[in-house]
Structure formats: structure tokens, C-alpha cells
Amino acid sequence: MISIVGRRHLTTSIVERMTVLQVADMLQIRESSYVYIKNGTPVTSDEIVTPEDDLKFLEIFSGG
């Protein structure tokens, strides 16, 4: 399952192996605005994900 958590909330799935960057492109989100969590572990944008993986895009917020 793929989830976006932040100002935008979305849950979807993929049907084939993809990189995190390919998933971000598919969802039309800026990769630099999110931290990627695959099965509970932070990963980079070149990490391969499968339909069985749990991938979360956590939006980065800054402020004071």
C-alpha cells in the first residue's frame, strides 16, 4: 500500500516493482518535499518497492 501523509492525504497501490522515485512521479509529488518510509524503515528514492510493501510518503514541514 502506498500512503501520502501531510497536507495531501492519499492511499493507493502499485501492481509492479518500481523505485520510490517512479512512485513519486506517478503520484505527481515533489520528491524533495517528502521522507520515504518503506516497511517502517527510511529509504532513498532509488529503493525498489513491490506491491507487497508498505510505502509512506511523509511530508516535511518546517517552521519556528
PDB file of N, CA and C in Angstrom:
ATOM      1  N   MET A   1       0.842  -1.163   0.000  1.00  0.00           N
ATOM      2  CA  MET A   1       0.000   0.000   0.000  1.00  0.00           C
ATOM      3  C   MET A   1       0.895   1.236   0.000  1.00  0.00           C
ATOM      4  N   ILE A   2       0.489   2.236  -0.733  1.00  0.00           N
ATOM      5  CA  ILE A   2       1.205   3.498  -0.825  1.00  0.00           C
ATOM      6  C   ILE A   2       0.352   4.556  -0.132  1.00  0.00           C
ATOM      7  N   SER A   3       0.954   5.325   0.789  1.00  0.00           N
ATOM      8  CA  SER A   3       0.229   6.370   1.505  1.00  0.00           C
ATOM      9  C   SER A   3       1.006   7.673   1.445  1.00  0.00           C
ATOM     10  N   ILE A   4       0.281   8.775   1.275  1.00  0.00           N
ATOM     11  CA  ILE A   4       0.862  10.108   1.399  1.00  0.00           C
ATOM     12  C   ILE A   4       0.283  10.701   2.669  1.00  0.00           C
ATOM     13  N   VAL A   5       1.160  11.200   3.537  1.00  0.00           N
ATOM     14  CA  VAL A   5       0.732  11.805   4.792  1.00  0.00           C
ATOM     15  C   VAL A   5       1.283  13.223   4.831  1.00  0.00           C
ATOM     16  N   GLY A   6       0.398  14.197   4.974  1.00  0.00           N
ATOM     17  CA  GLY A   6       0.795  15.602   5.003  1.00  0.00           C
ATOM     18  C   GLY A   6      -0.425  16.446   4.699  1.00  0.00           C
ATOM     19  N   ARG A   7      -0.213  17.558   4.015  1.00  0.00           N
ATOM     20  CA  ARG A   7      -1.350  18.389   3.620  1.00  0.00           C
ATOM     21  C   ARG A   7      -2.266  17.632   2.671  1.00  0.00           C
ATOM     22  N   ARG A   8      -1.672  16.759   1.899  1.00  0.00           N
ATOM     23  CA  ARG A   8      -2.426  15.911   0.966  1.00  0.00           C
ATOM     24  C   ARG A   8      -2.437  14.490   1.528  1.00  0.00           C
ATOM     25  N   HIS A   9      -3.602  13.888   1.583  1.00  0.00           N
ATOM     26  CA  HIS A   9      -3.729  12.504   2.057  1.00  0.00           C
ATOM     27  C   HIS A   9      -4.228  11.643   0.903  1.00  0.00           C
ATOM     28  N   LEU A  10      -3.552  10.528   0.688  1.00  0.00           N
ATOM     29  CA  LEU A  10      -3.921   9.630  -0.396  1.00  0.00           C
ATOM     30  C   LEU A  10      -3.452   8.231  -0.051  1.00  0.00           C
ATOM     31  N   THR A  11      -4.240   7.253  -0.414  1.00  0.00           N
ATOM     32  CA  THR A  11      -3.847   5.852  -0.281  1.00  0.00           C
ATOM     33  C   THR A  11      -4.111   5.178  -1.617  1.00  0.00           C
ATOM     34  N   THR A  12      -3.110   4.458  -2.116  1.00  0.00           N
ATOM     35  CA  THR A  12      -3.226   3.771  -3.402  1.00  0.00           C
ATOM     36  C   THR A  12      -2.347   2.530  -3.376  1.00  0.00           C
ATOM     37  N   SER A  13      -2.216   1.872  -4.494  1.00  0.00           N
ATOM     38  CA  SER A  13      -1.349   0.696  -4.578  1.00  0.00           C
ATOM     39  C   SER A  13      -0.659   0.678  -5.934  1.00  0.00           C
ATOM     40  N   ILE A  14       0.348  -0.188  -6.045  1.00  0.00           N
ATOM     41  CA  ILE A  14       1.035  -0.388  -7.314  1.00  0.00           C
ATOM     42  C   ILE A  14       0.868  -1.849  -7.713  1.00  0.00           C
ATOM     43  N   VAL A  15       1.073  -2.147  -8.989  1.00  0.00           N
ATOM     44  CA  VAL A  15       0.884  -3.520  -9.464  1.00  0.00           C
ATOM     45  C   VAL A  15       2.188  -4.174  -9.907  1.00  0.00           C
ATOM     46  N   GLU A  16       3.287  -3.400  -9.924  1.00  0.00           N
ATOM     47  CA  GLU A  16       4.577  -3.953 -10.331  1.00  0.00           C
ATOM     48  C   GLU A  16       5.692  -3.299  -9.535  1.00  0.00           C
ATOM     49  N   ARG A  17       6.892  -3.886  -9.616  1.00  0.00           N
ATOM     50  CA  ARG A  17       8.059  -3.323  -8.933  1.00  0.00           C
ATOM     51  C   ARG A  17       8.394  -1.959  -9.532  1.00  0.00           C
ATOM     52  N   MET A  18       8.686  -0.994  -8.661  1.00  0.00           N
ATOM     53  CA  MET A  18       9.040   0.359  -9.081  1.00  0.00           C
ATOM     54  C   MET A  18      10.027   0.917  -8.075  1.00  0.00           C
ATOM     55  N   THR A  19      10.715   1.990  -8.456  1.00  0.00           N
ATOM     56  CA  THR A  19      11.526   2.709  -7.479  1.00  0.00           C
ATOM     57  C   THR A  19      10.619   3.707  -6.764  1.00  0.00           C
ATOM     58  N   VAL A  20      11.084   4.170  -5.622  1.00  0.00           N
ATOM     59  CA  VAL A  20      10.338   5.190  -4.888  1.00  0.00           C
ATOM     60  C   VAL A  20      10.169   6.427  -5.766  1.00  0.00           C
ATOM     61  N   LEU A  21      11.204   6.797  -6.514  1.00  0.00           N
ATOM     62  CA  LEU A  21      11.135   7.956  -7.401  1.00  0.00           C
ATOM     63  C   LEU A  21      10.057   7.771  -8.470  1.00  0.00           C
ATOM     64  N   GLN A  22       9.942   6.584  -9.032  1.00  0.00           N
ATOM     65  CA  GLN A  22       8.897   6.319 -10.024  1.00  0.00           C
ATOM     66  C   GLN A  22       7.507   6.443  -9.405  1.00  0.00           C
ATOM     67  N   VAL A  23       7.355   5.985  -8.174  1.00  0.00           N
ATOM     68  CA  VAL A  23       6.068   6.119  -7.485  1.00  0.00           C
ATOM     69  C   VAL A  23       5.763   7.597  -7.253  1.00  0.00           C
ATOM     70  N   ALA A  24       6.758   8.367  -6.813  1.00  0.00           N
ATOM     71  CA  ALA A  24       6.570   9.805  -6.592  1.00  0.00           C
ATOM     72  C   ALA A  24       6.156  10.496  -7.889  1.00  0.00           C
ATOM     73  N   ASP A  25       6.801  10.151  -8.991  1.00  0.00           N
ATOM     74  CA  ASP A  25       6.431  10.722 -10.289  1.00  0.00           C
ATOM     75  C   ASP A  25       5.002  10.344 -10.662  1.00  0.00           C
ATOM     76  N   MET A  26       4.631   9.097 -10.434  1.00  0.00           N
ATOM     77  CA  MET A  26       3.286   8.620 -10.738  1.00  0.00           C
ATOM     78  C   MET A  26       2.237   9.405  -9.940  1.00  0.00           C
ATOM     79  N   LEU A  27       2.571   9.723  -8.686  1.00  0.00           N
ATOM     80  CA  LEU A  27       1.640  10.442  -7.812  1.00  0.00           C
ATOM     81  C   LEU A  27       1.737  11.953  -7.970  1.00  0.00           C
ATOM     82  N   GLN A  28       2.653  12.410  -8.820  1.00  0.00           N
ATOM     83  CA  GLN A  28       2.875  13.830  -9.094  1.00  0.00           C
ATOM     84  C   GLN A  28       3.190  14.615  -7.821  1.00  0.00           C
ATOM     85  N   ILE A  29       4.150  14.089  -7.049  1.00  0.00           N
ATOM     86  CA  ILE A  29       4.596  14.806  -5.858  1.00  0.00           C
ATOM     87  C   ILE A  29       6.080  15.118  -5.993  1.00  0.00           C
ATOM     88  N   ARG A  30       6.498  16.227  -5.377  1.00  0.00           N
ATOM     89  CA  ARG A  30       7.906  16.624  -5.402  1.00  0.00           C
ATOM     90  C   ARG A  30       8.671  15.768  -4.415  1.00  0.00           C
ATOM     91  N   GLU A  31       9.628  15.029  -4.918  1.00  0.00           N
ATOM     92  CA  GLU A  31      10.373  14.103  -4.066  1.00  0.00           C
ATOM     93  C   GLU A  31      11.126  14.809  -2.951  1.00  0.00           C
ATOM     94  N   SER A  32      11.549  16.051  -3.164  1.00  0.00           N
ATOM     95  CA  SER A  32      12.328  16.762  -2.150  1.00  0.00           C
ATOM     96  C   SER A  32      11.474  17.227  -0.968  1.00  0.00           C
ATOM     97  N   SER A  33      10.165  17.109  -1.071  1.00  0.00           N
ATOM     98  CA  SER A  33       9.264  17.558  -0.007  1.00  0.00           C
ATOM     99  C   SER A  33       8.827  16.441   0.933  1.00  0.00           C
ATOM    100  N   TYR A  34       9.359  15.228   0.727  1.00  0.00           N
ATOM    101  CA  TYR A  34       8.898  14.077   1.494  1.00  0.00           C
ATOM    102  C   TYR A  34      10.051  13.218   1.983  1.00  0.00           C
ATOM    103  N   VAL A  35       9.804  12.508   3.078  1.00  0.00           N
ATOM    104  CA  VAL A  35      10.677  11.445   3.565  1.00  0.00           C
ATOM    105  C   VAL A  35       9.951  10.152   3.225  1.00  0.00           C
ATOM    106  N   TYR A  36      10.689   9.146   2.786  1.00  0.00           N
ATOM    107  CA  TYR A  36      10.093   7.885   2.360  1.00  0.00           C
ATOM    108  C   TYR A  36      10.321   6.823   3.419  1.00  0.00           C
ATOM    109  N   ILE A  37       9.260   6.144   3.808  1.00  0.00           N
ATOM    110  CA  ILE A  37       9.325   5.082   4.808  1.00  0.00           C
ATOM    111  C   ILE A  37       8.781   3.802   4.170  1.00  0.00           C
ATOM    112  N   LYS A  38       9.658   2.800   4.027  1.00  0.00           N
ATOM    113  CA  LYS A  38       9.258   1.513   3.443  1.00  0.00           C
ATOM    114  C   LYS A  38       9.271   0.463   4.543  1.00  0.00           C
ATOM    115  N   ASN A  39       8.126  -0.117   4.820  1.00  0.00           N
ATOM    116  CA  ASN A  39       8.000  -1.158   5.849  1.00  0.00           C
ATOM    117  C   ASN A  39       8.611  -0.714   7.180  1.00  0.00           C
ATOM    118  N   GLY A  40       8.420   0.570   7.524  1.00  0.00           N
ATOM    119  CA  GLY A  40       8.879   1.096   8.806  1.00  0.00           C
ATOM    120  C   GLY A  40      10.302   1.614   8.834  1.00  0.00           C
ATOM    121  N   THR A  41      11.024   1.569   7.706  1.00  0.00           N
ATOM    122  CA  THR A  41      12.423   1.986   7.654  1.00  0.00           C
ATOM    123  C   THR A  41      12.598   3.096   6.619  1.00  0.00           C
ATOM    124  N   PRO A  42      13.288   4.197   6.968  1.00  0.00           N
ATOM    125  CA  PRO A  42      13.555   5.251   5.977  1.00  0.00           C
ATOM    126  C   PRO A  42      14.379   4.703   4.809  1.00  0.00           C
ATOM    127  N   VAL A  43      14.037   5.128   3.588  1.00  0.00           N
ATOM    128  CA  VAL A  43      14.747   4.682   2.390  1.00  0.00           C
ATOM    129  C   VAL A  43      15.001   5.877   1.474  1.00  0.00           C
ATOM    130  N   THR A  44      15.840   5.663   0.460  1.00  0.00           N
ATOM    131  CA  THR A  44      16.131   6.698  -0.531  1.00  0.00           C
ATOM    132  C   THR A  44      15.238   6.508  -1.757  1.00  0.00           C
ATOM    133  N   SER A  45      15.283   7.484  -2.656  1.00  0.00           N
ATOM    134  CA  SER A  45      14.398   7.460  -3.822  1.00  0.00           C
ATOM    135  C   SER A  45      14.731   6.362  -4.825  1.00  0.00           C
ATOM    136  N   ASP A  46      15.918   5.757  -4.732  1.00  0.00           N
ATOM    137  CA  ASP A  46      16.264   4.681  -5.665  1.00  0.00           C
ATOM    138  C   ASP A  46      15.905   3.289  -5.130  1.00  0.00           C
ATOM    139  N   GLU A  47      15.283   3.234  -3.968  1.00  0.00           N
ATOM    140  CA  GLU A  47      14.855   1.955  -3.368  1.00  0.00           C
ATOM    141  C   GLU A  47      13.738   1.323  -4.208  1.00  0.00           C
ATOM    142  N   ILE A  48      13.825   0.019  -4.409  1.00  0.00           N
ATOM    143  CA  ILE A  48      12.783  -0.726  -5.135  1.00  0.00           C
ATOM    144  C   ILE A  48      11.655  -1.080  -4.167  1.00  0.00           C
ATOM    145  N   VAL A  49      10.415  -0.845  -4.602  1.00  0.00           N
ATOM    146  CA  VAL A  49       9.247  -1.254  -3.821  1.00  0.00           C
ATOM    147  C   VAL A  49       8.415  -2.221  -4.657  1.00  0.00           C
ATOM    148  N   THR A  50       7.741  -3.121  -3.984  1.00  0.00           N
ATOM    149  CA  THR A  50       6.879  -4.104  -4.639  1.00  0.00           C
ATOM    150  C   THR A  50       5.441  -3.882  -4.172  1.00  0.00           C
ATOM    151  N   PRO A  51       4.474  -4.487  -4.845  1.00  0.00           N
ATOM    152  CA  PRO A  51       3.083  -4.342  -4.412  1.00  0.00           C
ATOM    153  C   PRO A  51       2.840  -4.807  -2.973  1.00  0.00           C
ATOM    154  N   GLU A  52       3.682  -5.687  -2.452  1.00  0.00           N
ATOM    155  CA  GLU A  52       3.513  -6.193  -1.087  1.00  0.00           C
ATOM    156  C   GLU A  52       4.059  -5.236  -0.027  1.00  0.00           C
ATOM    157  N   ASP A  53       4.877  -4.261  -0.423  1.00  0.00           N
ATOM    158  CA  ASP A  53       5.491  -3.335   0.534  1.00  0.00           C
ATOM    159  C   ASP A  53       4.510  -2.273   1.007  1.00  0.00           C
ATOM    160  N   ASP A  54       4.788  -1.747   2.193  1.00  0.00           N
ATOM    161  CA  ASP A  54       4.057  -0.612   2.745  1.00  0.00           C
ATOM    162  C   ASP A  54       4.973   0.598   2.599  1.00  0.00           C
ATOM    163  N   LEU A  55       4.606   1.548   1.744  1.00  0.00           N
ATOM    164  CA  LEU A  55       5.425   2.733   1.490  1.00  0.00           C
ATOM    165  C   LEU A  55       4.651   3.969   1.895  1.00  0.00           C
ATOM    166  N   LYS A  56       5.260   4.788   2.738  1.00  0.00           N
ATOM    167  CA  LYS A  56       4.638   6.034   3.171  1.00  0.00           C
ATOM    168  C   LYS A  56       5.497   7.205   2.720  1.00  0.00           C
ATOM    169  N   PHE A  57       4.858   8.233   2.190  1.00  0.00           N
ATOM    170  CA  PHE A  57       5.496   9.499   1.876  1.00  0.00           C
ATOM    171  C   PHE A  57       5.086  10.462   2.985  1.00  0.00           C
ATOM    172  N   LEU A  58       6.028  10.837   3.845  1.00  0.00           N
ATOM    173  CA  LEU A  58       5.742  11.754   4.947  1.00  0.00           C
ATOM    174  C   LEU A  58       6.221  13.140   4.558  1.00  0.00           C
ATOM    175  N   GLU A  59       5.298  14.090   4.493  1.00  0.00           N
ATOM    176  CA  GLU A  59       5.650  15.441   4.070  1.00  0.00           C
ATOM    177  C   GLU A  59       6.522  16.122   5.118  1.00  0.00           C
ATOM    178  N   ILE A  60       7.526  16.841   4.634  1.00  0.00           N
ATOM    179  CA  ILE A  60       8.439  17.580   5.507  1.00  0.00           C
ATOM    180  C   ILE A  60       7.842  18.955   5.753  1.00  0.00           C
ATOM    181  N   PHE A  61       7.713  19.318   7.028  1.00  0.00           N
ATOM    182  CA  PHE A  61       7.230  20.635   7.411  1.00  0.00           C
ATOM    183  C   PHE A  61       8.346  21.366   8.125  1.00  0.00           C
ATOM    184  N   SER A  62       8.448  22.650   7.879  1.00  0.00           N
ATOM    185  CA  SER A  62       9.426  23.441   8.625  1.00  0.00           C
ATOM    186  C   SER A  62       8.698  24.633   9.226  1.00  0.00           C
ATOM    187  N   GLY A  63       9.277  25.171  10.229  1.00  0.00           N
ATOM    188  CA  GLY A  63       8.656  26.310  10.880  1.00  0.00           C
ATOM    189  C   GLY A  63       9.379  26.648  12.163  1.00  0.00           C
ATOM    190  N   GLY A  64       8.885  27.628  12.812  1.00  0.00           N
ATOM    191  CA  GLY A  64       9.573  28.050  14.013  1.00  0.00           C
ATOM    192  C   GLY A  64       8.660  28.210  15.175  1.00  0.00           C
TER     193      GLY A  64
END
